[in-house]
PDB file of N, CA and C in Angstrom:
ATOM      1  N   MET A   1      -6.533  90.802 -49.360  1.00  0.00           N
ATOM      2  CA  MET A   1      -5.715  90.746 -50.565  1.00  0.00           C
ATOM      3  C   MET A   1      -5.944  89.411 -51.272  1.00  0.00           C
ATOM      4  N   ASN A   2      -6.056  89.462 -52.577  1.00  0.00           N
ATOM      5  CA  ASN A   2      -6.267  88.246 -53.362  1.00  0.00           C
ATOM      6  C   ASN A   2      -4.977  87.453 -53.503  1.00  0.00           C
ATOM      7  N   ARG A   3      -5.130  86.161 -53.517  1.00  0.00           N
ATOM      8  CA  ARG A   3      -3.985  85.295 -53.802  1.00  0.00           C
ATOM      9  C   ARG A   3      -3.778  85.236 -55.307  1.00  0.00           C
ATOM     10  N   MET A   4      -2.555  84.952 -55.680  1.00  0.00           N
ATOM     11  CA  MET A   4      -2.246  84.719 -57.090  1.00  0.00           C
ATOM     12  C   MET A   4      -1.760  83.283 -57.205  1.00  0.00           C
ATOM     13  N   TYR A   5      -2.142  82.654 -58.294  1.00  0.00           N
ATOM     14  CA  TYR A   5      -1.738  81.274 -58.556  1.00  0.00           C
ATOM     15  C   TYR A   5      -0.908  81.259 -59.822  1.00  0.00           C
ATOM     16  N   PHE A   6       0.217  80.593 -59.747  1.00  0.00           N
ATOM     17  CA  PHE A   6       1.142  80.521 -60.868  1.00  0.00           C
ATOM     18  C   PHE A   6       1.161  79.118 -61.449  1.00  0.00           C
ATOM     19  N   VAL A   7       1.075  79.044 -62.753  1.00  0.00           N
ATOM     20  CA  VAL A   7       1.315  77.795 -63.474  1.00  0.00           C
ATOM     21  C   VAL A   7       2.728  77.936 -64.009  1.00  0.00           C
ATOM     22  N   TYR A   8       3.586  77.010 -63.635  1.00  0.00           N
ATOM     23  CA  TYR A   8       4.985  77.132 -64.031  1.00  0.00           C
ATOM     24  C   TYR A   8       5.427  75.917 -64.836  1.00  0.00           C
ATOM     25  N   ILE A   9       6.451  76.150 -65.644  1.00  0.00           N
ATOM     26  CA  ILE A   9       6.973  75.106 -66.532  1.00  0.00           C
ATOM     27  C   ILE A   9       8.467  74.974 -66.292  1.00  0.00           C
ATOM     28  N   LEU A  10       8.860  73.767 -65.945  1.00  0.00           N
ATOM     29  CA  LEU A  10      10.279  73.444 -65.786  1.00  0.00           C
ATOM     30  C   LEU A  10      10.686  72.533 -66.924  1.00  0.00           C
ATOM     31  N   MET A  11      11.946  72.609 -67.302  1.00  0.00           N
ATOM     32  CA  MET A  11      12.489  71.656 -68.265  1.00  0.00           C
ATOM     33  C   MET A  11      13.684  70.968 -67.623  1.00  0.00           C
ATOM     34  N   SER A  12      13.688  69.652 -67.720  1.00  0.00           N
ATOM     35  CA  SER A  12      14.814  68.875 -67.234  1.00  0.00           C
ATOM     36  C   SER A  12      15.930  68.934 -68.264  1.00  0.00           C
ATOM     37  N   LEU A  13      17.116  69.308 -67.832  1.00  0.00           N
ATOM     38  CA  LEU A  13      18.260  69.300 -68.745  1.00  0.00           C
ATOM     39  C   LEU A  13      18.795  67.882 -68.910  1.00  0.00           C
ATOM     40  N   LYS A  14      18.357  66.997 -68.067  1.00  0.00           N
ATOM     41  CA  LYS A  14      18.778  65.591 -68.134  1.00  0.00           C
ATOM     42  C   LYS A  14      18.052  64.848 -69.251  1.00  0.00           C
ATOM     43  N   ASP A  15      16.720  65.014 -69.316  1.00  0.00           N
ATOM     44  CA  ASP A  15      15.950  64.262 -70.309  1.00  0.00           C
ATOM     45  C   ASP A  15      15.110  65.148 -71.235  1.00  0.00           C
ATOM     46  N   GLU A  16      15.228  66.480 -71.079  1.00  0.00           N
ATOM     47  CA  GLU A  16      14.521  67.472 -71.895  1.00  0.00           C
ATOM     48  C   GLU A  16      13.002  67.347 -71.823  1.00  0.00           C
ATOM     49  N   GLN A  17      12.503  66.782 -70.753  1.00  0.00           N
ATOM     50  CA  GLN A  17      11.066  66.678 -70.540  1.00  0.00           C
ATOM     51  C   GLN A  17      10.600  67.848 -69.676  1.00  0.00           C
ATOM     52  N   PHE A  18       9.306  68.138 -69.761  1.00  0.00           N
ATOM     53  CA  PHE A  18       8.725  69.245 -69.016  1.00  0.00           C
ATOM     54  C   PHE A  18       8.053  68.756 -67.742  1.00  0.00           C
ATOM     55  N   TYR A  19       8.022  69.636 -66.771  1.00  0.00           N
ATOM     56  CA  TYR A  19       7.238  69.439 -65.565  1.00  0.00           C
ATOM     57  C   TYR A  19       6.389  70.689 -65.433  1.00  0.00           C
ATOM     58  N   ILE A  20       5.082  70.512 -65.273  1.00  0.00           N
ATOM     59  CA  ILE A  20       4.161  71.630 -65.160  1.00  0.00           C
ATOM     60  C   ILE A  20       3.482  71.534 -63.801  1.00  0.00           C
ATOM     61  N   GLY A  21       3.424  72.647 -63.085  1.00  0.00           N
ATOM     62  CA  GLY A  21       2.803  72.644 -61.767  1.00  0.00           C
ATOM     63  C   GLY A  21       2.139  73.970 -61.446  1.00  0.00           C
ATOM     64  N   ILE A  22       1.478  74.000 -60.280  1.00  0.00           N
ATOM     65  CA  ILE A  22       0.816  75.207 -59.781  1.00  0.00           C
ATOM     66  C   ILE A  22       1.391  75.521 -58.410  1.00  0.00           C
ATOM     67  N   THR A  23       1.553  76.801 -58.136  1.00  0.00           N
ATOM     68  CA  THR A  23       2.028  77.242 -56.833  1.00  0.00           C
ATOM     69  C   THR A  23       1.566  78.668 -56.574  1.00  0.00           C
ATOM     70  N   GLU A  24       1.654  79.080 -55.325  1.00  0.00           N
ATOM     71  CA  GLU A  24       1.406  80.471 -54.973  1.00  0.00           C
ATOM     72  C   GLU A  24       2.722  81.236 -54.838  1.00  0.00           C
ATOM     73  N   ASP A  25       3.839  80.511 -54.835  1.00  0.00           N
ATOM     74  CA  ASP A  25       5.160  81.133 -54.666  1.00  0.00           C
ATOM     75  C   ASP A  25       6.154  80.444 -55.609  1.00  0.00           C
ATOM     76  N   VAL A  26       6.325  81.009 -56.783  1.00  0.00           N
ATOM     77  CA  VAL A  26       7.183  80.403 -57.812  1.00  0.00           C
ATOM     78  C   VAL A  26       8.621  80.272 -57.330  1.00  0.00           C
ATOM     79  N   LYS A  27       9.142  81.310 -56.716  1.00  0.00           N
ATOM     80  CA  LYS A  27      10.542  81.302 -56.284  1.00  0.00           C
ATOM     81  C   LYS A  27      10.817  80.184 -55.277  1.00  0.00           C
ATOM     82  N   MET A  28       9.954  80.049 -54.281  1.00  0.00           N
ATOM     83  CA  MET A  28      10.146  79.007 -53.274  1.00  0.00           C
ATOM     84  C   MET A  28       9.950  77.611 -53.877  1.00  0.00           C
ATOM     85  N   ARG A  29       8.949  77.470 -54.721  1.00  0.00           N
ATOM     86  CA  ARG A  29       8.672  76.160 -55.321  1.00  0.00           C
ATOM     87  C   ARG A  29       9.828  75.729 -56.223  1.00  0.00           C
ATOM     88  N   PHE A  30      10.365  76.659 -56.999  1.00  0.00           N
ATOM     89  CA  PHE A  30      11.491  76.331 -57.860  1.00  0.00           C
ATOM     90  C   PHE A  30      12.704  75.909 -57.018  1.00  0.00           C
ATOM     91  N   LYS A  31      12.944  76.609 -55.927  1.00  0.00           N
ATOM     92  CA  LYS A  31      14.045  76.241 -55.031  1.00  0.00           C
ATOM     93  C   LYS A  31      13.844  74.821 -54.492  1.00  0.00           C
ATOM     94  N   ASN A  32      12.601  74.477 -54.149  1.00  0.00           N
ATOM     95  CA  ASN A  32      12.316  73.113 -53.688  1.00  0.00           C
ATOM     96  C   ASN A  32      12.651  72.079 -54.761  1.00  0.00           C
ATOM     97  N   HIS A  33      12.330  72.388 -55.997  1.00  0.00           N
ATOM     98  CA  HIS A  33      12.667  71.484 -57.107  1.00  0.00           C
ATOM     99  C   HIS A  33      14.188  71.357 -57.242  1.00  0.00           C
ATOM    100  N   ILE A  34      14.873  72.475 -57.238  1.00  0.00           N
ATOM    101  CA  ILE A  34      16.333  72.501 -57.392  1.00  0.00           C
ATOM    102  C   ILE A  34      17.027  71.719 -56.276  1.00  0.00           C
ATOM    103  N   ASP A  35      16.508  71.874 -55.058  1.00  0.00           N
ATOM    104  CA  ASP A  35      17.115  71.222 -53.893  1.00  0.00           C
ATOM    105  C   ASP A  35      16.750  69.744 -53.769  1.00  0.00           C
ATOM    106  N   GLY A  36      15.916  69.233 -54.678  1.00  0.00           N
ATOM    107  CA  GLY A  36      15.553  67.815 -54.644  1.00  0.00           C
ATOM    108  C   GLY A  36      14.471  67.473 -53.636  1.00  0.00           C
ATOM    109  N   ARG A  37      13.713  68.467 -53.201  1.00  0.00           N
ATOM    110  CA  ARG A  37      12.649  68.231 -52.217  1.00  0.00           C
ATOM    111  C   ARG A  37      11.311  67.860 -52.854  1.00  0.00           C
ATOM    112  N   VAL A  38      11.268  67.787 -54.181  1.00  0.00           N
ATOM    113  CA  VAL A  38      10.046  67.393 -54.885  1.00  0.00           C
ATOM    114  C   VAL A  38      10.317  66.033 -55.521  1.00  0.00           C
ATOM    115  N   VAL A  39       9.619  65.015 -55.030  1.00  0.00           N
ATOM    116  CA  VAL A  39       9.879  63.634 -55.436  1.00  0.00           C
ATOM    117  C   VAL A  39       9.793  63.452 -56.951  1.00  0.00           C
ATOM    118  N   SER A  40       8.790  64.068 -57.583  1.00  0.00           N
ATOM    119  CA  SER A  40       8.565  63.842 -59.013  1.00  0.00           C
ATOM    120  C   SER A  40       9.660  64.411 -59.913  1.00  0.00           C
ATOM    121  N   THR A  41      10.482  65.339 -59.412  1.00  0.00           N
ATOM    122  CA  THR A  41      11.543  65.900 -60.250  1.00  0.00           C
ATOM    123  C   THR A  41      12.945  65.642 -59.699  1.00  0.00           C
ATOM    124  N   ARG A  42      13.024  65.023 -58.563  1.00  0.00           N
ATOM    125  CA  ARG A  42      14.329  64.813 -57.915  1.00  0.00           C
ATOM    126  C   ARG A  42      15.331  64.124 -58.848  1.00  0.00           C
ATOM    127  N   SER A  43      14.907  63.086 -59.536  1.00  0.00           N
ATOM    128  CA  SER A  43      15.828  62.328 -60.396  1.00  0.00           C
ATOM    129  C   SER A  43      16.013  62.972 -61.771  1.00  0.00           C
ATOM    130  N   ARG A  44      15.308  64.055 -62.030  1.00  0.00           N
ATOM    131  CA  ARG A  44      15.378  64.691 -63.354  1.00  0.00           C
ATOM    132  C   ARG A  44      16.199  65.972 -63.343  1.00  0.00           C
ATOM    133  N   ARG A  45      16.849  66.258 -62.228  1.00  0.00           N
ATOM    134  CA  ARG A  45      17.691  67.452 -62.129  1.00  0.00           C
ATOM    135  C   ARG A  45      18.938  67.284 -62.979  1.00  0.00           C
ATOM    136  N   PRO A  46      19.503  68.381 -63.489  1.00  0.00           N
ATOM    137  CA  PRO A  46      19.180  69.788 -63.239  1.00  0.00           C
ATOM    138  C   PRO A  46      17.930  70.224 -64.006  1.00  0.00           C
ATOM    139  N   LEU A  47      17.264  71.221 -63.443  1.00  0.00           N
ATOM    140  CA  LEU A  47      16.030  71.766 -63.996  1.00  0.00           C
ATOM    141  C   LEU A  47      16.188  73.256 -64.261  1.00  0.00           C
ATOM    142  N   LYS A  48      15.465  73.724 -65.255  1.00  0.00           N
ATOM    143  CA  LYS A  48      15.424  75.157 -65.544  1.00  0.00           C
ATOM    144  C   LYS A  48      13.967  75.602 -65.589  1.00  0.00           C
ATOM    145  N   LEU A  49      13.700  76.741 -64.999  1.00  0.00           N
ATOM    146  CA  LEU A  49      12.376  77.349 -65.091  1.00  0.00           C
ATOM    147  C   LEU A  49      12.314  78.058 -66.435  1.00  0.00           C
ATOM    148  N   ILE A  50      11.434  77.597 -67.317  1.00  0.00           N
ATOM    149  CA  ILE A  50      11.392  78.222 -68.645  1.00  0.00           C
ATOM    150  C   ILE A  50      10.237  79.204 -68.794  1.00  0.00           C
ATOM    151  N   GLY A  51       9.256  79.144 -67.898  1.00  0.00           N
ATOM    152  CA  GLY A  51       8.174  80.106 -67.990  1.00  0.00           C
ATOM    153  C   GLY A  51       7.132  79.913 -66.908  1.00  0.00           C
ATOM    154  N   TYR A  52       6.325  80.953 -66.699  1.00  0.00           N
ATOM    155  CA  TYR A  52       5.202  80.855 -65.784  1.00  0.00           C
ATOM    156  C   TYR A  52       4.147  81.875 -66.166  1.00  0.00           C
ATOM    157  N   GLU A  53       2.935  81.606 -65.742  1.00  0.00           N
ATOM    158  CA  GLU A  53       1.800  82.486 -65.967  1.00  0.00           C
ATOM    159  C   GLU A  53       1.097  82.647 -64.631  1.00  0.00           C
ATOM    160  N   PHE A  54       0.412  83.773 -64.406  1.00  0.00           N
ATOM    161  CA  PHE A  54      -0.320  83.891 -63.151  1.00  0.00           C
ATOM    162  C   PHE A  54      -1.811  84.077 -63.396  1.00  0.00           C
ATOM    163  N   TYR A  55      -2.567  83.609 -62.423  1.00  0.00           N
ATOM    164  CA  TYR A  55      -4.027  83.650 -62.467  1.00  0.00           C
ATOM    165  C   TYR A  55      -4.549  84.101 -61.111  1.00  0.00           C
ATOM    166  N   TRP A  56      -5.671  84.820 -61.123  1.00  0.00           N
ATOM    167  CA  TRP A  56      -6.306  85.242 -59.883  1.00  0.00           C
ATOM    168  C   TRP A  56      -7.129  84.113 -59.263  1.00  0.00           C
ATOM    169  N   TYR A  57      -7.560  83.163 -60.090  1.00  0.00           N
ATOM    170  CA  TYR A  57      -8.428  82.101 -59.608  1.00  0.00           C
ATOM    171  C   TYR A  57      -7.765  80.739 -59.779  1.00  0.00           C
ATOM    172  N   LYS A  58      -7.789  79.975 -58.704  1.00  0.00           N
ATOM    173  CA  LYS A  58      -7.140  78.663 -58.697  1.00  0.00           C
ATOM    174  C   LYS A  58      -7.744  77.745 -59.758  1.00  0.00           C
ATOM    175  N   LYS A  59      -9.051  77.841 -59.961  1.00  0.00           N
ATOM    176  CA  LYS A  59      -9.711  76.991 -60.957  1.00  0.00           C
ATOM    177  C   LYS A  59      -9.161  77.257 -62.361  1.00  0.00           C
ATOM    178  N   GLU A  60      -8.956  78.525 -62.699  1.00  0.00           N
ATOM    179  CA  GLU A  60      -8.394  78.865 -64.012  1.00  0.00           C
ATOM    180  C   GLU A  60      -6.969  78.332 -64.142  1.00  0.00           C
ATOM    181  N   ALA A  61      -6.191  78.470 -63.071  1.00  0.00           N
ATOM    182  CA  ALA A  61      -4.817  77.950 -63.085  1.00  0.00           C
ATOM    183  C   ALA A  61      -4.843  76.434 -63.267  1.00  0.00           C
ATOM    184  N   GLY A  62      -5.758  75.772 -62.596  1.00  0.00           N
ATOM    185  CA  GLY A  62      -5.873  74.321 -62.709  1.00  0.00           C
ATOM    186  C   GLY A  62      -6.235  73.868 -64.116  1.00  0.00           C
ATOM    187  N   LEU A  63      -7.131  74.609 -64.756  1.00  0.00           N
ATOM    188  CA  LEU A  63      -7.503  74.284 -66.137  1.00  0.00           C
ATOM    189  C   LEU A  63      -6.322  74.471 -67.083  1.00  0.00           C
ATOM    190  N   ARG A  64      -5.565  75.541 -66.855  1.00  0.00           N
ATOM    191  CA  ARG A  64      -4.382  75.793 -67.700  1.00  0.00           C
ATOM    192  C   ARG A  64      -3.332  74.719 -67.485  1.00  0.00           C
ATOM    193  N   GLU A  65      -3.095  74.334 -66.227  1.00  0.00           N
ATOM    194  CA  GLU A  65      -2.137  73.275 -65.935  1.00  0.00           C
ATOM    195  C   GLU A  65      -2.550  71.977 -66.635  1.00  0.00           C
ATOM    196  N   LYS A  66      -3.814  71.643 -66.537  1.00  0.00           N
ATOM    197  CA  LYS A  66      -4.316  70.418 -67.173  1.00  0.00           C
ATOM    198  C   LYS A  66      -4.092  70.455 -68.686  1.00  0.00           C
ATOM    199  N   TYR A  67      -4.378  71.600 -69.300  1.00  0.00           N
ATOM    200  CA  TYR A  67      -4.168  71.736 -70.740  1.00  0.00           C
ATOM    201  C   TYR A  67      -2.690  71.588 -71.095  1.00  0.00           C
ATOM    202  N   LEU A  68      -1.815  72.270 -70.359  1.00  0.00           N
ATOM    203  CA  LEU A  68      -0.384  72.214 -70.680  1.00  0.00           C
ATOM    204  C   LEU A  68       0.188  70.808 -70.522  1.00  0.00           C
ATOM    205  N   LYS A  69      -0.439  69.993 -69.691  1.00  0.00           N
ATOM    206  CA  LYS A  69       0.013  68.617 -69.512  1.00  0.00           C
ATOM    207  C   LYS A  69      -0.489  67.697 -70.626  1.00  0.00           C
ATOM    208  N   SER A  70      -1.409  68.182 -71.454  1.00  0.00           N
ATOM    209  CA  SER A  70      -1.919  67.391 -72.575  1.00  0.00           C
ATOM    210  C   SER A  70      -0.922  67.430 -73.731  1.00  0.00           C
ATOM    211  N   SER A  71      -1.129  66.578 -74.717  1.00  0.00           N
ATOM    212  CA  SER A  71      -0.205  66.571 -75.861  1.00  0.00           C
ATOM    213  C   SER A  71      -0.260  67.895 -76.620  1.00  0.00           C
ATOM    214  N   ASP A  72      -1.442  68.486 -76.778  1.00  0.00           N
ATOM    215  CA  ASP A  72      -1.538  69.794 -77.439  1.00  0.00           C
ATOM    216  C   ASP A  72      -0.847  70.876 -76.618  1.00  0.00           C
ATOM    217  N   GLY A  73      -0.987  70.804 -75.314  1.00  0.00           N
ATOM    218  CA  GLY A  73      -0.335  71.780 -74.435  1.00  0.00           C
ATOM    219  C   GLY A  73       1.172  71.688 -74.515  1.00  0.00           C
ATOM    220  N   ARG A  74       1.700  70.479 -74.546  1.00  0.00           N
ATOM    221  CA  ARG A  74       3.152  70.303 -74.655  1.00  0.00           C
ATOM    222  C   ARG A  74       3.660  70.802 -76.006  1.00  0.00           C
ATOM    223  N   LYS A  75       2.846  70.635 -77.050  1.00  0.00           N
ATOM    224  CA  LYS A  75       3.215  71.196 -78.354  1.00  0.00           C
ATOM    225  C   LYS A  75       3.272  72.720 -78.271  1.00  0.00           C
ATOM    226  N   GLU A  76       2.286  73.309 -77.568  1.00  0.00           N
ATOM    227  CA  GLU A  76       2.277  74.769 -77.397  1.00  0.00           C
ATOM    228  C   GLU A  76       3.525  75.230 -76.647  1.00  0.00           C
ATOM    229  N   ILE A  77       3.910  74.496 -75.616  1.00  0.00           N
ATOM    230  CA  ILE A  77       5.115  74.847 -74.856  1.00  0.00           C
ATOM    231  C   ILE A  77       6.328  74.835 -75.782  1.00  0.00           C
ATOM    232  N   ARG A  78       6.458  73.788 -76.585  1.00  0.00           N
ATOM    233  CA  ARG A  78       7.607  73.694 -77.496  1.00  0.00           C
ATOM    234  C   ARG A  78       7.635  74.842 -78.500  1.00  0.00           C
ATOM    235  N   LEU A  79       6.473  75.263 -78.976  1.00  0.00           N
ATOM    236  CA  LEU A  79       6.414  76.390 -79.915  1.00  0.00           C
ATOM    237  C   LEU A  79       6.680  77.716 -79.208  1.00  0.00           C
ATOM    238  N   ARG A  80       6.023  77.938 -78.085  1.00  0.00           N
ATOM    239  CA  ARG A  80       6.140  79.211 -77.372  1.00  0.00           C
ATOM    240  C   ARG A  80       7.541  79.454 -76.848  1.00  0.00           C
ATOM    241  N   TYR A  81       8.184  78.394 -76.389  1.00  0.00           N
ATOM    242  CA  TYR A  81       9.507  78.530 -75.773  1.00  0.00           C
ATOM    243  C   TYR A  81      10.618  77.941 -76.653  1.00  0.00           C
ATOM    244  N   LYS A  82      10.404  77.950 -77.942  1.00  0.00           N
ATOM    245  CA  LYS A  82      11.341  77.341 -78.896  1.00  0.00           C
ATOM    246  C   LYS A  82      12.758  77.895 -78.741  1.00  0.00           C
ATOM    247  N   GLN A  83      12.907  79.214 -78.694  1.00  0.00           N
ATOM    248  CA  GLN A  83      14.240  79.813 -78.575  1.00  0.00           C
ATOM    249  C   GLN A  83      14.870  79.496 -77.223  1.00  0.00           C
ATOM    250  N   THR A  84      14.089  79.538 -76.172  1.00  0.00           N
ATOM    251  CA  THR A  84      14.597  79.234 -74.832  1.00  0.00           C
ATOM    252  C   THR A  84      15.093  77.797 -74.765  1.00  0.00           C
ATOM    253  N   ILE A  85      14.309  76.879 -75.289  1.00  0.00           N
ATOM    254  CA  ILE A  85      14.678  75.456 -75.271  1.00  0.00           C
ATOM    255  C   ILE A  85      15.958  75.234 -76.074  1.00  0.00           C
ATOM    256  N   SER A  86      16.052  75.851 -77.239  1.00  0.00           N
ATOM    257  CA  SER A  86      17.272  75.724 -78.066  1.00  0.00           C
ATOM    258  C   SER A  86      18.490  76.263 -77.324  1.00  0.00           C
ATOM    259  N   LYS A  87      18.338  77.410 -76.677  1.00  0.00           N
ATOM    260  CA  LYS A  87      19.454  77.997 -75.928  1.00  0.00           C
ATOM    261  C   LYS A  87      19.876  77.090 -74.780  1.00  0.00           C
ATOM    262  N   LEU A  88      18.940  76.525 -74.065  1.00  0.00           N
ATOM    263  CA  LEU A  88      19.274  75.624 -72.964  1.00  0.00           C
ATOM    264  C   LEU A  88      20.023  74.388 -73.460  1.00  0.00           C
ATOM    265  N   ARG A  89      19.601  73.869 -74.603  1.00  0.00           N
ATOM    266  CA  ARG A  89      20.296  72.706 -75.187  1.00  0.00           C
ATOM    267  C   ARG A  89      21.734  73.056 -75.537  1.00  0.00           C
ATOM    268  N   ILE A  90      21.936  74.205 -76.156  1.00  0.00           N
ATOM    269  CA  ILE A  90      23.286  74.639 -76.544  1.00  0.00           C
ATOM    270  C   ILE A  90      24.144  74.871 -75.302  1.00  0.00           C
ATOM    271  N   ASP A  91      23.594  75.589 -74.316  1.00  0.00           N
ATOM    272  CA  ASP A  91      24.345  75.887 -73.095  1.00  0.00           C
ATOM    273  C   ASP A  91      24.732  74.604 -72.342  1.00  0.00           C
ATOM    274  N   GLU A  92      23.836  73.631 -72.346  1.00  0.00           N
ATOM    275  CA  GLU A  92      24.094  72.384 -71.630  1.00  0.00           C
ATOM    276  C   GLU A  92      25.225  71.579 -72.297  1.00  0.00           C
ATOM    277  N   LYS A  93      25.325  71.686 -73.620  1.00  0.00           N
ATOM    278  CA  LYS A  93      26.364  70.936 -74.346  1.00  0.00           C
ATOM    279  C   LYS A  93      27.718  71.620 -74.248  1.00  0.00           C
ATOM    280  N   SER A  94      27.732  72.898 -73.910  1.00  0.00           N
ATOM    281  CA  SER A  94      29.002  73.654 -73.833  1.00  0.00           C
ATOM    282  C   SER A  94      29.794  73.298 -72.617  1.00  0.00           C
TER     283      SER A  94
END
């Protein structure tokens, strides 16, 4: 059976910054982030999973992750998830 690789995007509700990563298990990885077991996001909690994509090949997932971490990629995230980001901002202020 082929493995699947997920590129996932988290948004910190604390500083509204994105975290982009790769995993084979989105649910478990997100739980690790939420529980503070990931050093790079521990201080940026609470976090929300705003999206993910899957790839059959790790190399393709890696290229996508690299792009999303670039300034153009972050612009794409803001455009693609515009409604989600707005809703999270409103919900957080309520």
